[in-house]
Amino acid sequence: MSDTRTSTPNDSLDLGSPSAVEDLARRFDATPTQIREAAVAVGHRIADIEMHLKGTRSASNEERMEQAPPSGARP
């Protein structure tokens, strides 16, 4: 039986394996589509996919913070 979990930063994702994509999506709290898009953007190294996902989430959170009303402001 093959283990699809990762243990080193040099591991690569097999996009041809739906179970590997789904496992990684669960691991990174992402959708399989987000995993595939990240792999297209940065390659198949799992560490790179993780950093890409973290970066896109950070940007999204930063944008939300910029749009939030100032502390103490009433809507």
Protein backbone atom coordinates (compact mmCIF):
# COMPACT_ATOMS: atom_id res chain seq x y z
CA MET A 1 0.00 0.00 0.00
CA SER A 2 1.37 3.40 -0.97
CA ASP A 3 1.55 6.22 1.57
CA THR A 4 0.53 9.57 0.01
CA ARG A 5 1.50 11.62 3.08
CA THR A 6 4.60 13.74 2.86
CA SER A 7 7.63 13.82 5.11
CA THR A 8 10.22 16.05 3.46
CA PRO A 9 10.09 19.42 1.69
CA ASN A 10 11.35 17.76 -1.53
CA ASP A 11 8.28 15.59 -1.96
CA SER A 12 6.28 16.14 -5.13
CA LEU A 13 2.57 15.94 -5.72
CA ASP A 14 1.27 13.55 -8.35
CA LEU A 15 -1.55 15.54 -9.96
CA GLY A 16 -2.63 12.37 -11.74
CA SER A 17 -3.62 10.86 -8.41
CA PRO A 18 -6.98 12.19 -7.23
CA SER A 19 -6.43 10.73 -3.76
CA ALA A 20 -3.05 12.49 -3.42
CA VAL A 21 -4.63 15.81 -4.42
CA GLU A 22 -7.53 15.31 -2.01
CA ASP A 23 -5.19 14.30 0.83
CA LEU A 24 -3.10 17.42 0.30
CA ALA A 25 -6.23 19.57 0.11
CA ARG A 26 -7.32 18.27 3.50
CA ARG A 27 -3.84 18.76 4.91
CA PHE A 28 -3.70 22.40 3.79
CA ASP A 29 -7.39 23.16 4.39
CA ALA A 30 -7.88 23.92 0.70
CA THR A 31 -9.97 22.58 -2.15
CA PRO A 32 -8.58 20.14 -4.71
CA THR A 33 -9.02 22.90 -7.30
CA GLN A 34 -6.86 25.26 -5.22
CA ILE A 35 -4.20 22.55 -4.95
CA ARG A 36 -4.20 22.00 -8.72
CA GLU A 37 -4.06 25.74 -9.43
CA ALA A 38 -1.18 26.15 -7.01
CA ALA A 39 0.71 23.28 -8.66
CA VAL A 40 0.22 24.91 -12.07
CA ALA A 41 1.47 28.23 -10.68
CA VAL A 42 4.53 27.02 -8.73
CA GLY A 43 5.23 23.42 -9.70
CA HIS A 44 4.64 20.09 -8.01
CA ARG A 45 6.87 20.41 -4.94
CA ILE A 46 4.58 20.18 -1.94
CA ALA A 47 6.58 22.78 0.01
CA ASP A 48 6.14 25.25 -2.87
CA ILE A 49 2.42 24.54 -3.07
CA GLU A 50 2.10 25.13 0.67
CA MET A 51 3.96 28.44 0.48
CA HIS A 52 1.86 29.53 -2.49
CA LEU A 53 -1.36 28.77 -0.64
CA LYS A 54 -0.15 30.58 2.47
CA GLY A 55 0.84 33.56 0.36
CA THR A 56 -2.51 33.81 -1.37
CA ARG A 57 -4.32 33.54 1.94
CA SER A 58 -2.10 36.21 3.49
CA ALA A 59 -2.85 38.58 0.64
CA SER A 60 -6.55 37.91 0.98
CA ASN A 61 -6.45 38.52 4.73
CA GLU A 62 -4.43 41.70 4.22
CA GLU A 63 -7.01 42.99 1.74
CA ARG A 64 -9.82 42.23 4.18
CA MET A 65 -8.00 44.12 6.93
CA GLU A 66 -7.61 47.15 4.66
CA GLN A 67 -11.34 47.09 3.92
CA ALA A 68 -12.37 46.68 7.57
CA PRO A 69 -13.65 49.72 9.41
CA PRO A 70 -11.23 51.24 11.92
CA SER A 71 -11.30 49.79 15.43
CA GLY A 72 -14.05 51.33 17.50
CA ALA A 73 -15.95 52.56 14.45
CA ARG A 74 -19.66 51.82 14.37
CA PRO A 75 -21.28 50.51 11.19
